[in-house]
Amino acid sequence: MKIRDTDTIQIMKDYMANGRFSRGQEETANASFSFVGNIDHSVKQLVNSYDHDLFITLPKAFDLAVQDRFFLFLPGWEIPKME
């Protein structure tokens, strides 16, 4: 993930914290972000390790302030397969 606009992360943080963002004018919304991605390590390595965690592959821009605003992490391997 490459972020070109340096204000993007701060706008995301503000929006995730209070549902508002400003880019010329203030906007209010009742929506959420959804991030989809892959992990670079095996599930066993991440789940059973003190050295790694599930968020190890997040971009550096997703600092602890962004991670603190996550409401849910849904591991895909725990979702039953649809038939």
PDB file of N, CA and C in Angstrom:
ATOM      1  N   MET A   1       0.842  -1.169   0.000  1.00  0.00           N
ATOM      2  CA  MET A   1       0.000   0.000   0.000  1.00  0.00           C
ATOM      3  C   MET A   1       0.888   1.233   0.000  1.00  0.00           C
ATOM      4  N   LYS A   2       0.707   2.075  -0.985  1.00  0.00           N
ATOM      5  CA  LYS A   2       1.474   3.304  -1.074  1.00  0.00           C
ATOM      6  C   LYS A   2       0.529   4.482  -0.897  1.00  0.00           C
ATOM      7  N   ILE A   3       0.862   5.349   0.021  1.00  0.00           N
ATOM      8  CA  ILE A   3       0.029   6.513   0.305  1.00  0.00           C
ATOM      9  C   ILE A   3       0.750   7.733  -0.220  1.00  0.00           C
ATOM     10  N   ARG A   4       0.151   8.387  -1.198  1.00  0.00           N
ATOM     11  CA  ARG A   4       0.806   9.531  -1.837  1.00  0.00           C
ATOM     12  C   ARG A   4       0.543  10.834  -1.097  1.00  0.00           C
ATOM     13  N   ASP A   5      -0.666  11.008  -0.582  1.00  0.00           N
ATOM     14  CA  ASP A   5      -1.024  12.235   0.123  1.00  0.00           C
ATOM     15  C   ASP A   5      -0.694  12.061   1.605  1.00  0.00           C
ATOM     16  N   THR A   6       0.157  12.905   2.122  1.00  0.00           N
ATOM     17  CA  THR A   6       0.605  12.756   3.515  1.00  0.00           C
ATOM     18  C   THR A   6      -0.515  12.983   4.518  1.00  0.00           C
ATOM     19  N   ASP A   7      -1.587  13.654   4.120  1.00  0.00           N
ATOM     20  CA  ASP A   7      -2.708  13.894   5.037  1.00  0.00           C
ATOM     21  C   ASP A   7      -3.651  12.705   5.138  1.00  0.00           C
ATOM     22  N   THR A   8      -3.527  11.728   4.260  1.00  0.00           N
ATOM     23  CA  THR A   8      -4.473  10.620   4.196  1.00  0.00           C
ATOM     24  C   THR A   8      -4.590   9.871   5.518  1.00  0.00           C
ATOM     25  N   ILE A   9      -3.476   9.520   6.125  1.00  0.00           N
ATOM     26  CA  ILE A   9      -3.512   8.753   7.372  1.00  0.00           C
ATOM     27  C   ILE A   9      -4.171   9.563   8.483  1.00  0.00           C
ATOM     28  N   GLN A  10      -3.851  10.832   8.594  1.00  0.00           N
ATOM     29  CA  GLN A  10      -4.472  11.658   9.630  1.00  0.00           C
ATOM     30  C   GLN A  10      -5.975  11.794   9.393  1.00  0.00           C
ATOM     31  N   ILE A  11      -6.388  11.925   8.143  1.00  0.00           N
ATOM     32  CA  ILE A  11      -7.817  11.987   7.824  1.00  0.00           C
ATOM     33  C   ILE A  11      -8.487  10.681   8.225  1.00  0.00           C
ATOM     34  N   MET A  12      -7.844   9.542   7.928  1.00  0.00           N
ATOM     35  CA  MET A  12      -8.395   8.243   8.321  1.00  0.00           C
ATOM     36  C   MET A  12      -8.509   8.136   9.834  1.00  0.00           C
ATOM     37  N   LYS A  13      -7.492   8.557  10.562  1.00  0.00           N
ATOM     38  CA  LYS A  13      -7.518   8.490  12.025  1.00  0.00           C
ATOM     39  C   LYS A  13      -8.679   9.309  12.582  1.00  0.00           C
ATOM     40  N   ASP A  14      -8.824  10.534  12.084  1.00  0.00           N
ATOM     41  CA  ASP A  14      -9.908  11.394  12.563  1.00  0.00           C
ATOM     42  C   ASP A  14     -11.263  10.780  12.247  1.00  0.00           C
ATOM     43  N   TYR A  15     -11.414  10.256  11.035  1.00  0.00           N
ATOM     44  CA  TYR A  15     -12.688   9.662  10.644  1.00  0.00           C
ATOM     45  C   TYR A  15     -13.010   8.433  11.490  1.00  0.00           C
ATOM     46  N   MET A  16     -12.023   7.567  11.708  1.00  0.00           N
ATOM     47  CA  MET A  16     -12.267   6.362  12.501  1.00  0.00           C
ATOM     48  C   MET A  16     -12.538   6.702  13.956  1.00  0.00           C
ATOM     49  N   ALA A  17     -12.030   7.818  14.444  1.00  0.00           N
ATOM     50  CA  ALA A  17     -12.236   8.202  15.833  1.00  0.00           C
ATOM     51  C   ALA A  17     -13.607   8.832  16.055  1.00  0.00           C
ATOM     52  N   ASN A  18     -14.067   9.696  15.138  1.00  0.00           N
ATOM     53  CA  ASN A  18     -15.322  10.399  15.410  1.00  0.00           C
ATOM     54  C   ASN A  18     -16.257  10.535  14.222  1.00  0.00           C
ATOM     55  N   GLY A  19     -16.043   9.805  13.141  1.00  0.00           N
ATOM     56  CA  GLY A  19     -16.988   9.795  12.034  1.00  0.00           C
ATOM     57  C   GLY A  19     -17.030  11.069  11.211  1.00  0.00           C
ATOM     58  N   ARG A  20     -16.012  11.904  11.348  1.00  0.00           N
ATOM     59  CA  ARG A  20     -15.964  13.163  10.597  1.00  0.00           C
ATOM     60  C   ARG A  20     -14.607  13.300   9.931  1.00  0.00           C
ATOM     61  N   PHE A  21     -14.607  13.964   8.804  1.00  0.00           N
ATOM     62  CA  PHE A  21     -13.342  14.323   8.189  1.00  0.00           C
ATOM     63  C   PHE A  21     -13.514  15.648   7.473  1.00  0.00           C
ATOM     64  N   SER A  22     -12.414  16.298   7.222  1.00  0.00           N
ATOM     65  CA  SER A  22     -12.471  17.609   6.590  1.00  0.00           C
ATOM     66  C   SER A  22     -11.457  17.669   5.468  1.00  0.00           C
ATOM     67  N   ARG A  23     -11.934  18.058   4.326  1.00  0.00           N
ATOM     68  CA  ARG A  23     -11.085  18.276   3.168  1.00  0.00           C
ATOM     69  C   ARG A  23     -11.649  19.469   2.423  1.00  0.00           C
ATOM     70  N   GLY A  24     -11.452  20.637   2.988  1.00  0.00           N
ATOM     71  CA  GLY A  24     -12.053  21.836   2.445  1.00  0.00           C
ATOM     72  C   GLY A  24     -13.333  22.192   3.172  1.00  0.00           C
ATOM     73  N   GLN A  25     -14.173  21.204   3.406  1.00  0.00           N
ATOM     74  CA  GLN A  25     -15.361  21.375   4.229  1.00  0.00           C
ATOM     75  C   GLN A  25     -15.550  20.104   5.037  1.00  0.00           C
ATOM     76  N   GLU A  26     -16.172  20.237   6.198  1.00  0.00           N
ATOM     77  CA  GLU A  26     -16.324  19.067   7.071  1.00  0.00           C
ATOM     78  C   GLU A  26     -17.471  18.192   6.596  1.00  0.00           C
ATOM     79  N   GLU A  27     -17.226  16.899   6.591  1.00  0.00           N
ATOM     80  CA  GLU A  27     -18.220  15.894   6.212  1.00  0.00           C
ATOM     81  C   GLU A  27     -18.427  14.940   7.373  1.00  0.00           C
ATOM     82  N   THR A  28     -19.658  14.496   7.557  1.00  0.00           N
ATOM     83  CA  THR A  28     -19.979  13.520   8.589  1.00  0.00           C
ATOM     84  C   THR A  28     -20.607  12.311   7.903  1.00  0.00           C
ATOM     85  N   ALA A  29     -20.276  11.124   8.346  1.00  0.00           N
ATOM     86  CA  ALA A  29     -20.811   9.919   7.715  1.00  0.00           C
ATOM     87  C   ALA A  29     -20.930   8.794   8.727  1.00  0.00           C
ATOM     88  N   ASN A  30     -21.765   7.845   8.410  1.00  0.00           N
ATOM     89  CA  ASN A  30     -21.909   6.625   9.194  1.00  0.00           C
ATOM     90  C   ASN A  30     -21.495   5.454   8.314  1.00  0.00           C
ATOM     91  N   ALA A  31     -20.233   5.340   8.094  1.00  0.00           N
ATOM     92  CA  ALA A  31     -19.689   4.271   7.260  1.00  0.00           C
ATOM     93  C   ALA A  31     -18.408   3.776   7.903  1.00  0.00           C
ATOM     94  N   SER A  32     -17.817   2.776   7.305  1.00  0.00           N
ATOM     95  CA  SER A  32     -16.579   2.238   7.865  1.00  0.00           C
ATOM     96  C   SER A  32     -15.603   1.927   6.745  1.00  0.00           C
ATOM     97  N   PHE A  33     -14.382   1.667   7.142  1.00  0.00           N
ATOM     98  CA  PHE A  33     -13.355   1.219   6.215  1.00  0.00           C
ATOM     99  C   PHE A  33     -13.293  -0.296   6.289  1.00  0.00           C
ATOM    100  N   SER A  34     -12.982  -0.900   5.191  1.00  0.00           N
ATOM    101  CA  SER A  34     -12.763  -2.334   5.163  1.00  0.00           C
ATOM    102  C   SER A  34     -11.472  -2.571   4.404  1.00  0.00           C
ATOM    103  N   PHE A  35     -10.533  -3.229   5.049  1.00  0.00           N
ATOM    104  CA  PHE A  35      -9.244  -3.521   4.433  1.00  0.00           C
ATOM    105  C   PHE A  35      -9.163  -5.017   4.172  1.00  0.00           C
ATOM    106  N   VAL A  36      -8.770  -5.374   2.998  1.00  0.00           N
ATOM    107  CA  VAL A  36      -8.624  -6.771   2.624  1.00  0.00           C
ATOM    108  C   VAL A  36      -7.179  -6.976   2.198  1.00  0.00           C
ATOM    109  N   GLY A  37      -6.586  -8.047   2.663  1.00  0.00           N
ATOM    110  CA  GLY A  37      -5.201  -8.277   2.284  1.00  0.00           C
ATOM    111  C   GLY A  37      -4.743  -9.671   2.624  1.00  0.00           C
ATOM    112  N   ASN A  38      -3.530  -9.938   2.280  1.00  0.00           N
ATOM    113  CA  ASN A  38      -2.910 -11.228   2.554  1.00  0.00           C
ATOM    114  C   ASN A  38      -1.821 -11.056   3.596  1.00  0.00           C
ATOM    115  N   ILE A  39      -1.485 -12.150   4.244  1.00  0.00           N
ATOM    116  CA  ILE A  39      -0.393 -12.127   5.203  1.00  0.00           C
ATOM    117  C   ILE A  39       0.810 -12.819   4.576  1.00  0.00           C
ATOM    118  N   ASP A  40       1.994 -12.418   5.013  1.00  0.00           N
ATOM    119  CA  ASP A  40       3.221 -12.936   4.415  1.00  0.00           C
ATOM    120  C   ASP A  40       3.789 -14.148   5.145  1.00  0.00           C
ATOM    121  N   HIS A  41       3.174 -14.524   6.251  1.00  0.00           N
ATOM    122  CA  HIS A  41       3.679 -15.640   7.052  1.00  0.00           C
ATOM    123  C   HIS A  41       2.597 -16.709   7.160  1.00  0.00           C
ATOM    124  N   SER A  42       2.985 -17.890   7.581  1.00  0.00           N
ATOM    125  CA  SER A  42       2.000 -18.949   7.750  1.00  0.00           C
ATOM    126  C   SER A  42       1.120 -18.648   8.964  1.00  0.00           C
ATOM    127  N   VAL A  43      -0.083 -19.185   8.952  1.00  0.00           N
ATOM    128  CA  VAL A  43      -1.014 -18.973  10.062  1.00  0.00           C
ATOM    129  C   VAL A  43      -0.425 -19.522  11.354  1.00  0.00           C
ATOM    130  N   LYS A  44       0.164 -20.703  11.295  1.00  0.00           N
ATOM    131  CA  LYS A  44       0.765 -21.291  12.504  1.00  0.00           C
ATOM    132  C   LYS A  44       1.851 -20.390  13.072  1.00  0.00           C
ATOM    133  N   GLN A  45       2.657 -19.811  12.195  1.00  0.00           N
ATOM    134  CA  GLN A  45       3.748 -18.953  12.643  1.00  0.00           C
ATOM    135  C   GLN A  45       3.205 -17.713  13.347  1.00  0.00           C
ATOM    136  N   LEU A  46       2.138 -17.147  12.837  1.00  0.00           N
ATOM    137  CA  LEU A  46       1.597 -15.922  13.415  1.00  0.00           C
ATOM    138  C   LEU A  46       0.768 -16.160  14.667  1.00  0.00           C
ATOM    139  N   VAL A  47      -0.049 -17.187  14.653  1.00  0.00           N
ATOM    140  CA  VAL A  47      -0.960 -17.427  15.774  1.00  0.00           C
ATOM    141  C   VAL A  47      -0.231 -17.963  17.000  1.00  0.00           C
ATOM    142  N   ASN A  48       0.771 -18.779  16.805  1.00  0.00           N
ATOM    143  CA  ASN A  48       1.450 -19.428  17.927  1.00  0.00           C
ATOM    144  C   ASN A  48       2.820 -18.824  18.222  1.00  0.00           C
ATOM    145  N   SER A  49       3.009 -17.556  17.951  1.00  0.00           N
ATOM    146  CA  SER A  49       4.330 -16.967  18.095  1.00  0.00           C
ATOM    147  C   SER A  49       4.306 -15.739  18.989  1.00  0.00           C
ATOM    148  N   TYR A  50       5.349 -15.602  19.776  1.00  0.00           N
ATOM    149  CA  TYR A  50       5.537 -14.388  20.564  1.00  0.00           C
ATOM    150  C   TYR A  50       6.348 -13.359  19.777  1.00  0.00           C
ATOM    151  N   ASP A  51       6.985 -13.787  18.698  1.00  0.00           N
ATOM    152  CA  ASP A  51       7.826 -12.899  17.898  1.00  0.00           C
ATOM    153  C   ASP A  51       7.057 -12.187  16.787  1.00  0.00           C
ATOM    154  N   HIS A  52       5.931 -12.743  16.357  1.00  0.00           N
ATOM    155  CA  HIS A  52       5.147 -12.189  15.264  1.00  0.00           C
ATOM    156  C   HIS A  52       3.717 -11.974  15.734  1.00  0.00           C
ATOM    157  N   ASP A  53       3.016 -11.065  15.062  1.00  0.00           N
ATOM    158  CA  ASP A  53       1.589 -10.922  15.314  1.00  0.00           C
ATOM    159  C   ASP A  53       0.868 -10.759  13.984  1.00  0.00           C
ATOM    160  N   LEU A  54      -0.451 -10.764  14.020  1.00  0.00           N
ATOM    161  CA  LEU A  54      -1.241 -10.725  12.799  1.00  0.00           C
ATOM    162  C   LEU A  54      -1.107  -9.412  12.042  1.00  0.00           C
ATOM    163  N   PHE A  55      -0.644  -8.368  12.710  1.00  0.00           N
ATOM    164  CA  PHE A  55      -0.547  -7.066  12.067  1.00  0.00           C
ATOM    165  C   PHE A  55       0.865  -6.749  11.589  1.00  0.00           C
ATOM    166  N   ILE A  56       1.746  -7.740  11.566  1.00  0.00           N
ATOM    167  CA  ILE A  56       3.144  -7.509  11.209  1.00  0.00           C
ATOM    168  C   ILE A  56       3.302  -7.013   9.767  1.00  0.00           C
ATOM    169  N   THR A  57       2.383  -7.381   8.873  1.00  0.00           N
ATOM    170  CA  THR A  57       2.528  -7.007   7.463  1.00  0.00           C
ATOM    171  C   THR A  57       1.819  -5.709   7.105  1.00  0.00           C
ATOM    172  N   LEU A  58       1.246  -5.022   8.080  1.00  0.00           N
ATOM    173  CA  LEU A  58       0.619  -3.738   7.782  1.00  0.00           C
ATOM    174  C   LEU A  58       1.663  -2.715   7.370  1.00  0.00           C
ATOM    175  N   PRO A  59       1.276  -1.755   6.531  1.00  0.00           N
ATOM    176  CA  PRO A  59       2.224  -0.695   6.157  1.00  0.00           C
ATOM    177  C   PRO A  59       2.669   0.099   7.379  1.00  0.00           C
ATOM    178  N   LYS A  60       3.845   0.668   7.343  1.00  0.00           N
ATOM    179  CA  LYS A  60       4.362   1.452   8.472  1.00  0.00           C
ATOM    180  C   LYS A  60       3.463   2.641   8.798  1.00  0.00           C
ATOM    181  N   ALA A  61       2.729   3.146   7.801  1.00  0.00           N
ATOM    182  CA  ALA A  61       1.830   4.274   8.034  1.00  0.00           C
ATOM    183  C   ALA A  61       0.694   3.902   8.987  1.00  0.00           C
ATOM    184  N   PHE A  62       0.383   2.610   9.087  1.00  0.00           N
ATOM    185  CA  PHE A  62      -0.659   2.155  10.012  1.00  0.00           C
ATOM    186  C   PHE A  62      -0.036   1.982  11.390  1.00  0.00           C
ATOM    187  N   ASP A  63       0.262   3.079  12.025  1.00  0.00           N
ATOM    188  CA  ASP A  63       0.910   3.053  13.334  1.00  0.00           C
ATOM    189  C   ASP A  63      -0.074   2.579  14.408  1.00  0.00           C
ATOM    190  N   LEU A  64       0.354   2.589  15.641  1.00  0.00           N
ATOM    191  CA  LEU A  64      -0.498   2.091  16.731  1.00  0.00           C
ATOM    192  C   LEU A  64      -1.778   2.905  16.883  1.00  0.00           C
ATOM    193  N   ALA A  65      -1.747   4.193  16.552  1.00  0.00           N
ATOM    194  CA  ALA A  65      -2.957   5.013  16.638  1.00  0.00           C
ATOM    195  C   ALA A  65      -4.011   4.535  15.647  1.00  0.00           C
ATOM    196  N   VAL A  66      -3.600   4.122  14.460  1.00  0.00           N
ATOM    197  CA  VAL A  66      -4.539   3.573  13.482  1.00  0.00           C
ATOM    198  C   VAL A  66      -5.025   2.210  13.954  1.00  0.00           C
ATOM    199  N   GLN A  67      -4.117   1.347  14.384  1.00  0.00           N
ATOM    200  CA  GLN A  67      -4.497   0.015  14.828  1.00  0.00           C
ATOM    201  C   GLN A  67      -5.432   0.066  16.032  1.00  0.00           C
ATOM    202  N   ASP A  68      -5.265   1.062  16.883  1.00  0.00           N
ATOM    203  CA  ASP A  68      -6.120   1.200  18.050  1.00  0.00           C
ATOM    204  C   ASP A  68      -7.565   1.484  17.660  1.00  0.00           C
ATOM    205  N   ARG A  69      -7.773   2.024  16.482  1.00  0.00           N
ATOM    206  CA  ARG A  69      -9.118   2.357  16.026  1.00  0.00           C
ATOM    207  C   ARG A  69      -9.788   1.215  15.269  1.00  0.00           C
ATOM    208  N   PHE A  70      -9.089   0.106  15.068  1.00  0.00           N
ATOM    209  CA  PHE A  70      -9.713  -1.053  14.418  1.00  0.00           C
ATOM    210  C   PHE A  70     -10.792  -1.614  15.336  1.00  0.00           C
ATOM    211  N   PHE A  71     -11.937  -1.878  14.780  1.00  0.00           N
ATOM    212  CA  PHE A  71     -13.036  -2.429  15.558  1.00  0.00           C
ATOM    213  C   PHE A  71     -13.034  -3.954  15.510  1.00  0.00           C
ATOM    214  N   LEU A  72     -12.629  -4.512  14.400  1.00  0.00           N
ATOM    215  CA  LEU A  72     -12.718  -5.958  14.223  1.00  0.00           C
ATOM    216  C   LEU A  72     -11.610  -6.432  13.297  1.00  0.00           C
ATOM    217  N   PHE A  73     -11.041  -7.555  13.625  1.00  0.00           N
ATOM    218  CA  PHE A  73     -10.132  -8.257  12.721  1.00  0.00           C
ATOM    219  C   PHE A  73     -10.736  -9.625  12.506  1.00  0.00           C
ATOM    220  N   LEU A  74     -11.078  -9.949  11.274  1.00  0.00           N
ATOM    221  CA  LEU A  74     -11.704 -11.221  10.969  1.00  0.00           C
ATOM    222  C   LEU A  74     -10.753 -12.074  10.148  1.00  0.00           C
ATOM    223  N   PRO A  75     -10.115 -13.069  10.777  1.00  0.00           N
ATOM    224  CA  PRO A  75      -9.198 -13.933  10.025  1.00  0.00           C
ATOM    225  C   PRO A  75      -9.972 -14.802   9.036  1.00  0.00           C
ATOM    226  N   GLY A  76      -9.600 -14.721   7.778  1.00  0.00           N
ATOM    227  CA  GLY A  76     -10.284 -15.461   6.736  1.00  0.00           C
ATOM    228  C   GLY A  76     -10.283 -16.962   6.932  1.00  0.00           C
ATOM    229  N   TRP A  77      -9.252 -17.500   7.560  1.00  0.00           N
ATOM    230  CA  TRP A  77      -9.182 -18.950   7.747  1.00  0.00           C
ATOM    231  C   TRP A  77     -10.203 -19.456   8.764  1.00  0.00           C
ATOM    232  N   GLU A  78     -10.837 -18.550   9.499  1.00  0.00           N
ATOM    233  CA  GLU A  78     -11.862 -18.959  10.464  1.00  0.00           C
ATOM    234  C   GLU A  78     -13.271 -18.870   9.887  1.00  0.00           C
ATOM    235  N   ILE A  79     -13.417 -18.387   8.664  1.00  0.00           N
ATOM    236  CA  ILE A  79     -14.723 -18.284   8.018  1.00  0.00           C
ATOM    237  C   ILE A  79     -15.016 -19.611   7.323  1.00  0.00           C
ATOM    238  N   PRO A  80     -16.175 -20.205   7.593  1.00  0.00           N
ATOM    239  CA  PRO A  80     -16.506 -21.465   6.922  1.00  0.00           C
ATOM    240  C   PRO A  80     -16.614 -21.266   5.407  1.00  0.00           C
ATOM    241  N   LYS A  81     -16.205 -22.263   4.679  1.00  0.00           N
ATOM    242  CA  LYS A  81     -16.293 -22.202   3.217  1.00  0.00           C
ATOM    243  C   LYS A  81     -17.747 -22.286   2.800  1.00  0.00           C
ATOM    244  N   MET A  82     -18.092 -21.487   1.803  1.00  0.00           N
ATOM    245  CA  MET A  82     -19.463 -21.507   1.285  1.00  0.00           C
ATOM    246  C   MET A  82     -19.583 -22.581   0.210  1.00  0.00           C
ATOM    247  N   GLU A  83     -20.706 -23.245   0.200  1.00  0.00           N
ATOM    248  CA  GLU A  83     -20.917 -24.306  -0.787  1.00  0.00           C
ATOM    249  C   GLU A  83     -22.027 -23.933  -1.740  1.00  0.00           C
TER     250      GLU A  83
END
